[in-house]
Amino acid sequence: MSAATKPLIELVQELPPDIQAEVRDFVEFLLVKRARTPAKKLRRDWAGMLSDMRDQYTSLELQHKALE
């Protein structure tokens, strides 16, 4: 039977114990990653907040202010 047709459990059982532990860690990581809650949608309540500053500052000045 080729490795492609063997059940996953049989393939893992053929590995040495230290590699089996790595497989376990990786599978647990994948399960946790999958179970994470989806990212929240981006808020857009900031849109237009700088419109009053647009005439007051140049883009370079706004960059300097952002670094302050």
N, C-alpha and C. Protein backbone atom coordinates (compact mmCIF):
# COMPACT_ATOMS: atom_id res chain seq x y z
N MET A 1 0.85 -1.18 0.00
CA MET A 1 0.00 0.00 0.00
C MET A 1 0.89 1.24 0.00
N SER A 2 0.62 2.17 -0.89
CA SER A 2 1.45 3.39 -0.97
C SER A 2 1.09 4.34 0.17
N ALA A 3 2.01 5.24 0.43
CA ALA A 3 1.80 6.21 1.52
C ALA A 3 0.58 7.09 1.25
N ALA A 4 0.25 7.31 -0.02
CA ALA A 4 -0.89 8.16 -0.36
C ALA A 4 -2.21 7.50 -0.02
N THR A 5 -2.24 6.19 0.04
CA THR A 5 -3.49 5.50 0.31
C THR A 5 -3.62 5.02 1.75
N LYS A 6 -2.54 5.11 2.53
CA LYS A 6 -2.59 4.70 3.94
C LYS A 6 -3.35 5.74 4.75
N PRO A 7 -4.08 5.30 5.74
CA PRO A 7 -4.72 6.27 6.65
C PRO A 7 -3.66 7.07 7.40
N LEU A 8 -3.99 8.27 7.74
CA LEU A 8 -3.05 9.17 8.41
C LEU A 8 -2.51 8.57 9.70
N ILE A 9 -3.36 7.94 10.46
CA ILE A 9 -2.93 7.36 11.74
C ILE A 9 -1.83 6.32 11.54
N GLU A 10 -1.93 5.53 10.49
CA GLU A 10 -0.91 4.53 10.21
C GLU A 10 0.42 5.19 9.83
N LEU A 11 0.35 6.24 9.05
CA LEU A 11 1.56 6.95 8.67
C LEU A 11 2.25 7.54 9.89
N VAL A 12 1.48 8.13 10.78
CA VAL A 12 2.05 8.74 11.98
C VAL A 12 2.65 7.67 12.87
N GLN A 13 2.01 6.52 12.97
CA GLN A 13 2.52 5.43 13.82
C GLN A 13 3.85 4.88 13.32
N GLU A 14 4.14 5.06 12.04
CA GLU A 14 5.42 4.60 11.49
C GLU A 14 6.57 5.53 11.83
N LEU A 15 6.25 6.73 12.29
CA LEU A 15 7.29 7.71 12.62
C LEU A 15 7.89 7.42 13.99
N PRO A 16 9.14 7.84 14.20
CA PRO A 16 9.74 7.70 15.54
C PRO A 16 8.98 8.58 16.54
N PRO A 17 9.04 8.24 17.82
CA PRO A 17 8.27 8.97 18.85
C PRO A 17 8.52 10.48 18.87
N ASP A 18 9.77 10.91 18.66
CA ASP A 18 10.03 12.35 18.71
C ASP A 18 9.36 13.08 17.54
N ILE A 19 9.30 12.44 16.38
CA ILE A 19 8.64 13.05 15.23
C ILE A 19 7.11 13.00 15.43
N GLN A 20 6.62 11.94 16.07
CA GLN A 20 5.18 11.87 16.38
C GLN A 20 4.79 13.04 17.28
N ALA A 21 5.67 13.39 18.21
CA ALA A 21 5.39 14.53 19.10
C ALA A 21 5.32 15.83 18.30
N GLU A 22 6.19 15.97 17.30
CA GLU A 22 6.15 17.17 16.45
C GLU A 22 4.85 17.22 15.65
N VAL A 23 4.42 16.06 15.15
CA VAL A 23 3.16 16.00 14.40
C VAL A 23 2.00 16.39 15.30
N ARG A 24 2.01 15.89 16.53
CA ARG A 24 0.96 16.24 17.50
C ARG A 24 0.93 17.74 17.74
N ASP A 25 2.11 18.33 17.97
CA ASP A 25 2.19 19.79 18.20
C ASP A 25 1.64 20.56 17.01
N PHE A 26 2.00 20.12 15.81
CA PHE A 26 1.54 20.82 14.62
C PHE A 26 0.03 20.71 14.46
N VAL A 27 -0.51 19.53 14.69
CA VAL A 27 -1.96 19.33 14.58
C VAL A 27 -2.69 20.19 15.62
N GLU A 28 -2.15 20.24 16.85
CA GLU A 28 -2.77 21.08 17.87
C GLU A 28 -2.72 22.56 17.48
N PHE A 29 -1.60 22.98 16.88
CA PHE A 29 -1.49 24.35 16.40
C PHE A 29 -2.55 24.64 15.34
N LEU A 30 -2.73 23.72 14.40
CA LEU A 30 -3.73 23.91 13.35
C LEU A 30 -5.14 24.00 13.93
N LEU A 31 -5.43 23.19 14.93
CA LEU A 31 -6.75 23.22 15.55
C LEU A 31 -7.00 24.55 16.25
N VAL A 32 -5.98 25.05 16.95
CA VAL A 32 -6.13 26.34 17.65
C VAL A 32 -6.28 27.46 16.64
N LYS A 33 -5.47 27.41 15.59
CA LYS A 33 -5.52 28.45 14.55
C LYS A 33 -6.90 28.49 13.89
N ARG A 34 -7.46 27.33 13.65
CA ARG A 34 -8.77 27.25 13.01
C ARG A 34 -9.88 27.73 13.93
N ALA A 35 -9.71 27.52 15.23
CA ALA A 35 -10.75 27.86 16.20
C ALA A 35 -10.76 29.34 16.57
N ARG A 36 -9.73 30.07 16.18
CA ARG A 36 -9.68 31.50 16.52
C ARG A 36 -10.88 32.21 15.94
N THR A 37 -11.31 33.22 16.67
CA THR A 37 -12.44 34.00 16.17
C THR A 37 -11.97 34.84 14.99
N PRO A 38 -12.83 35.04 14.03
CA PRO A 38 -12.43 35.85 12.88
C PRO A 38 -12.15 37.29 13.30
N ALA A 39 -11.30 37.93 12.56
CA ALA A 39 -10.94 39.31 12.86
C ALA A 39 -12.17 40.20 12.77
N LYS A 40 -12.18 41.20 13.61
CA LYS A 40 -13.29 42.16 13.59
C LYS A 40 -13.19 43.00 12.33
N LYS A 41 -14.33 43.45 11.88
CA LYS A 41 -14.34 44.33 10.72
C LYS A 41 -13.69 45.66 11.09
N LEU A 42 -13.03 46.25 10.12
CA LEU A 42 -12.39 47.53 10.35
C LEU A 42 -13.43 48.62 10.55
N ARG A 43 -13.16 49.46 11.53
CA ARG A 43 -14.05 50.60 11.76
C ARG A 43 -13.73 51.67 10.74
N ARG A 44 -14.72 52.40 10.36
CA ARG A 44 -14.51 53.49 9.41
C ARG A 44 -14.98 54.82 9.99
N ASP A 45 -15.11 54.88 11.30
CA ASP A 45 -15.60 56.11 11.90
C ASP A 45 -14.54 57.22 11.89
N TRP A 46 -13.33 56.87 11.51
CA TRP A 46 -12.27 57.87 11.42
C TRP A 46 -12.28 58.61 10.08
N ALA A 47 -13.04 58.10 9.12
CA ALA A 47 -13.03 58.69 7.77
C ALA A 47 -13.42 60.16 7.83
N GLY A 48 -12.64 61.00 7.18
CA GLY A 48 -12.92 62.43 7.11
C GLY A 48 -12.42 63.23 8.29
N MET A 49 -11.82 62.56 9.27
CA MET A 49 -11.37 63.27 10.47
C MET A 49 -10.28 64.30 10.17
N LEU A 50 -9.48 64.07 9.16
CA LEU A 50 -8.40 64.99 8.85
C LEU A 50 -8.77 66.01 7.78
N SER A 51 -10.02 65.99 7.34
CA SER A 51 -10.40 66.89 6.25
C SER A 51 -10.20 68.35 6.62
N ASP A 52 -10.41 68.71 7.90
CA ASP A 52 -10.21 70.09 8.29
C ASP A 52 -8.72 70.44 8.37
N MET A 53 -7.86 69.46 8.52
CA MET A 53 -6.41 69.70 8.58
C MET A 53 -5.79 69.74 7.18
N ARG A 54 -6.51 69.25 6.21
CA ARG A 54 -5.95 69.14 4.86
C ARG A 54 -5.48 70.50 4.34
N ASP A 55 -6.25 71.53 4.62
CA ASP A 55 -5.88 72.86 4.15
C ASP A 55 -4.87 73.53 5.07
N GLN A 56 -4.74 72.99 6.27
CA GLN A 56 -3.90 73.61 7.27
C GLN A 56 -2.44 73.11 7.18
N TYR A 57 -2.24 71.82 6.82
CA TYR A 57 -0.91 71.22 6.81
C TYR A 57 -0.62 70.58 5.45
N THR A 58 0.65 70.56 5.10
CA THR A 58 1.06 69.80 3.91
C THR A 58 1.20 68.34 4.31
N SER A 59 1.30 67.47 3.34
CA SER A 59 1.46 66.05 3.65
C SER A 59 2.75 65.80 4.42
N LEU A 60 3.79 66.54 4.11
CA LEU A 60 5.06 66.39 4.82
C LEU A 60 4.90 66.80 6.28
N GLU A 61 4.20 67.88 6.53
CA GLU A 61 3.97 68.32 7.90
C GLU A 61 3.14 67.29 8.67
N LEU A 62 2.15 66.71 8.00
CA LEU A 62 1.35 65.68 8.68
C LEU A 62 2.19 64.45 9.00
N GLN A 63 3.14 64.10 8.14
CA GLN A 63 4.03 62.98 8.41
C GLN A 63 4.87 63.28 9.65
N HIS A 64 5.38 64.50 9.74
CA HIS A 64 6.17 64.88 10.90
C HIS A 64 5.32 64.85 12.18
N LYS A 65 4.09 65.31 12.08
CA LYS A 65 3.21 65.28 13.25
C LYS A 65 2.91 63.84 13.68
N ALA A 66 2.77 62.94 12.70
CA ALA A 66 2.49 61.55 13.01
C ALA A 66 3.66 60.90 13.73
N LEU A 67 4.86 61.35 13.44
CA LEU A 67 6.05 60.80 14.10
C LEU A 67 6.28 61.36 15.50
N GLU A 68 5.61 62.44 15.82
CA GLU A 68 5.79 63.06 17.15
C GLU A 68 5.18 62.20 18.23
